[in-house]
Amino acid sequence: MTNTTAPRVTFAAAAPKAFKALIGFDAAAREGLDPTLVELIQIRSSQLNGCAYCLHMHVSDARKAGEDEMRLHMVAVWREARHCFSAREQAALALTEAVTRIAGGVPDEVYAQAAAQFDDAELAHVLALILTINTWNRLAISTGKVAGTDERRQ
């Protein structure tokens, strides 16, 4: 939770090489993945991390891409609404949760479920995407980004 309104560092301006590298990693992670799956992963990780800035951004992106409004509402409770998500999406969401909450490790069952749904290259890209959204979440929270202010549009 951000407790201050004091200005914080503008990461992109203060560390442009690191920011550019993160942009490149994010773009590489998405390669070959279904854009709908990308948004679901980013939404779920942002929910878990409490990153309102990224959650707003990725829900907005999903809506613009034509994602069903009901599915967007169900991402947070996907286990109870499995009928709304494909087996691949469920496996990706479970993996997203395990990697985002990494303290307990990634259970073999969760990894096996994901490995059964994705080939090695796809699985590597899903993992890379989970890593990038977790990094973006931590960066947005640390620097006090405000939900609803999508800096990509500026």
Protein backbone atom coordinates (compact mmCIF):
# COMPACT_ATOMS: atom_id res chain seq x y z
CA MET A 1 0.00 0.00 0.00
CA THR A 2 1.33 3.42 -0.93
CA ASN A 3 1.17 5.73 2.08
CA THR A 4 2.50 8.92 0.58
CA THR A 5 1.62 11.35 -2.14
CA ALA A 6 5.21 12.54 -2.33
CA PRO A 7 6.70 12.18 -5.81
CA ARG A 8 8.69 9.02 -6.38
CA VAL A 9 11.34 8.17 -8.93
CA THR A 10 10.30 7.93 -12.55
CA PHE A 11 11.96 4.61 -13.27
CA ALA A 12 11.96 4.92 -17.07
CA ALA A 13 13.75 8.27 -16.91
CA ALA A 14 16.12 7.41 -14.07
CA ALA A 15 17.14 3.94 -15.33
CA PRO A 16 16.44 3.97 -19.08
CA LYS A 17 18.62 0.95 -19.90
CA ALA A 18 16.95 -1.18 -17.24
CA PHE A 19 13.52 0.02 -18.36
CA LYS A 20 14.30 -0.72 -22.00
CA ALA A 21 15.58 -4.19 -21.06
CA LEU A 22 12.35 -4.88 -19.16
CA ILE A 23 10.29 -3.74 -22.16
CA GLY A 24 12.30 -6.11 -24.36
CA PHE A 25 11.90 -9.02 -21.93
CA ASP A 26 8.16 -8.39 -21.74
CA ALA A 27 7.85 -8.33 -25.55
CA ALA A 28 9.91 -11.52 -25.89
CA ALA A 29 7.82 -13.26 -23.22
CA ARG A 30 4.59 -12.60 -25.14
CA GLU A 31 5.85 -14.07 -28.42
CA GLY A 32 3.68 -16.91 -29.62
CA LEU A 33 1.17 -16.65 -26.76
CA ASP A 34 -2.53 -16.05 -27.26
CA PRO A 35 -3.19 -12.38 -26.37
CA THR A 36 -6.21 -13.41 -24.29
CA LEU A 37 -4.03 -15.73 -22.22
CA VAL A 38 -1.46 -12.96 -21.80
CA GLU A 39 -4.07 -10.62 -20.33
CA LEU A 40 -5.53 -13.29 -18.02
CA ILE A 41 -2.07 -14.01 -16.59
CA GLN A 42 -1.34 -10.31 -16.13
CA ILE A 43 -4.72 -9.67 -14.53
CA ARG A 44 -4.37 -12.55 -12.06
CA SER A 45 -0.85 -11.64 -11.02
CA SER A 46 -1.84 -7.99 -10.59
CA GLN A 47 -4.79 -9.05 -8.42
CA LEU A 48 -2.56 -11.19 -6.21
CA ASN A 49 0.05 -8.46 -5.88
CA GLY A 50 -2.51 -5.73 -5.19
CA CYS A 51 -1.28 -3.64 -8.11
CA ALA A 52 -4.20 -1.41 -9.03
CA TYR A 53 -2.19 0.39 -11.71
CA CYS A 54 -1.41 -2.80 -13.67
CA LEU A 55 -4.81 -4.36 -12.97
CA HIS A 56 -6.57 -1.33 -14.45
CA MET A 57 -4.24 -1.36 -17.45
CA HIS A 58 -4.66 -5.06 -18.25
CA VAL A 59 -8.42 -5.20 -17.67
CA SER A 60 -8.70 -2.21 -20.03
CA ASP A 61 -6.48 -3.94 -22.61
CA ALA A 62 -8.52 -7.14 -22.34
CA ARG A 63 -11.78 -5.23 -22.85
CA LYS A 64 -10.35 -3.44 -25.89
CA ALA A 65 -9.33 -6.83 -27.30
CA GLY A 66 -12.93 -8.03 -26.95
CA GLU A 67 -12.61 -10.14 -23.81
CA ASP A 68 -15.94 -11.15 -22.30
CA GLU A 69 -16.88 -8.98 -19.33
CA MET A 70 -18.08 -11.94 -17.28
CA ARG A 71 -14.74 -13.73 -17.65
CA LEU A 72 -12.95 -10.61 -16.47
CA HIS A 73 -15.08 -10.64 -13.33
CA MET A 74 -14.35 -14.32 -12.79
CA VAL A 75 -10.53 -14.21 -12.98
CA ALA A 76 -10.18 -13.66 -9.22
CA VAL A 77 -12.36 -16.70 -8.52
CA TRP A 78 -11.41 -18.83 -11.52
CA ARG A 79 -11.24 -22.04 -9.47
CA GLU A 80 -14.91 -21.66 -8.59
CA ALA A 81 -15.74 -20.64 -12.17
CA ARG A 82 -13.70 -23.22 -14.10
CA HIS A 83 -16.43 -23.48 -16.73
CA CYS A 84 -15.50 -19.95 -17.82
CA PHE A 85 -11.89 -20.89 -18.64
CA SER A 86 -10.26 -23.46 -20.90
CA ALA A 87 -7.94 -26.15 -19.53
CA ARG A 88 -4.95 -24.15 -20.86
CA GLU A 89 -6.16 -20.98 -19.17
CA GLN A 90 -6.75 -22.82 -15.89
CA ALA A 91 -3.25 -24.30 -16.01
CA ALA A 92 -1.76 -20.87 -16.73
CA LEU A 93 -3.73 -19.25 -13.93
CA ALA A 94 -2.67 -21.94 -11.44
CA LEU A 95 0.96 -21.51 -12.49
CA THR A 96 0.62 -17.73 -12.23
CA GLU A 97 -0.60 -18.08 -8.67
CA ALA A 98 2.20 -20.50 -7.70
CA VAL A 99 4.97 -18.37 -9.23
CA THR A 100 3.53 -15.12 -7.88
CA ARG A 101 3.24 -16.65 -4.39
CA ILE A 102 6.65 -18.30 -4.79
CA ALA A 103 7.41 -18.62 -1.05
CA GLY A 104 5.81 -22.08 -1.01
CA GLY A 105 7.46 -23.11 -4.27
CA VAL A 106 5.70 -24.30 -7.39
CA PRO A 107 3.92 -27.57 -6.58
CA ASP A 108 4.74 -30.50 -8.86
CA GLU A 109 1.04 -30.94 -9.62
CA VAL A 110 0.67 -27.33 -10.79
CA TYR A 111 3.80 -27.55 -12.93
CA ALA A 112 2.71 -30.89 -14.41
CA GLN A 113 -0.71 -29.46 -15.25
CA ALA A 114 0.92 -26.56 -17.09
CA ALA A 115 3.44 -28.84 -18.83
CA ALA A 116 0.54 -30.98 -20.07
CA GLN A 117 -1.15 -27.95 -21.64
CA PHE A 118 1.87 -26.17 -23.15
CA ASP A 119 4.86 -27.37 -25.14
CA ASP A 120 8.29 -26.48 -23.74
CA ALA A 121 8.59 -23.23 -25.70
CA GLU A 122 5.09 -22.09 -24.74
CA LEU A 123 5.67 -23.01 -21.10
CA ALA A 124 8.91 -21.05 -21.05
CA HIS A 125 7.08 -18.04 -22.49
CA VAL A 126 4.27 -18.37 -19.94
CA LEU A 127 6.86 -18.45 -17.15
CA ALA A 128 8.66 -15.45 -18.64
CA LEU A 129 5.37 -13.54 -18.83
CA ILE A 130 4.59 -14.35 -15.20
CA LEU A 131 8.05 -13.07 -14.25
CA THR A 132 7.62 -9.84 -16.22
CA ILE A 133 4.18 -8.99 -14.82
CA ASN A 134 5.44 -9.62 -11.30
CA THR A 135 8.32 -7.23 -12.02
CA TRP A 136 5.96 -4.62 -13.48
CA ASN A 137 3.65 -4.98 -10.45
CA ARG A 138 6.51 -4.45 -8.03
CA LEU A 139 7.81 -1.51 -10.00
CA ALA A 140 4.39 0.19 -10.21
CA ILE A 141 3.70 -0.34 -6.51
CA SER A 142 7.20 0.79 -5.45
CA THR A 143 7.04 3.98 -7.49
CA GLY A 144 3.46 4.85 -6.50
CA LYS A 145 1.77 4.52 -9.90
CA VAL A 146 -1.89 5.57 -9.83
CA ALA A 147 -4.58 3.32 -11.28
CA GLY A 148 -6.21 4.81 -14.35
CA THR A 149 -3.11 6.67 -15.52
CA ASP A 150 -1.75 4.51 -18.32
CA GLU A 151 1.64 6.00 -19.13
CA ARG A 152 1.89 3.98 -22.34
CA ARG A 153 -0.61 6.39 -23.88
CA GLN A 154 1.39 9.51 -23.11
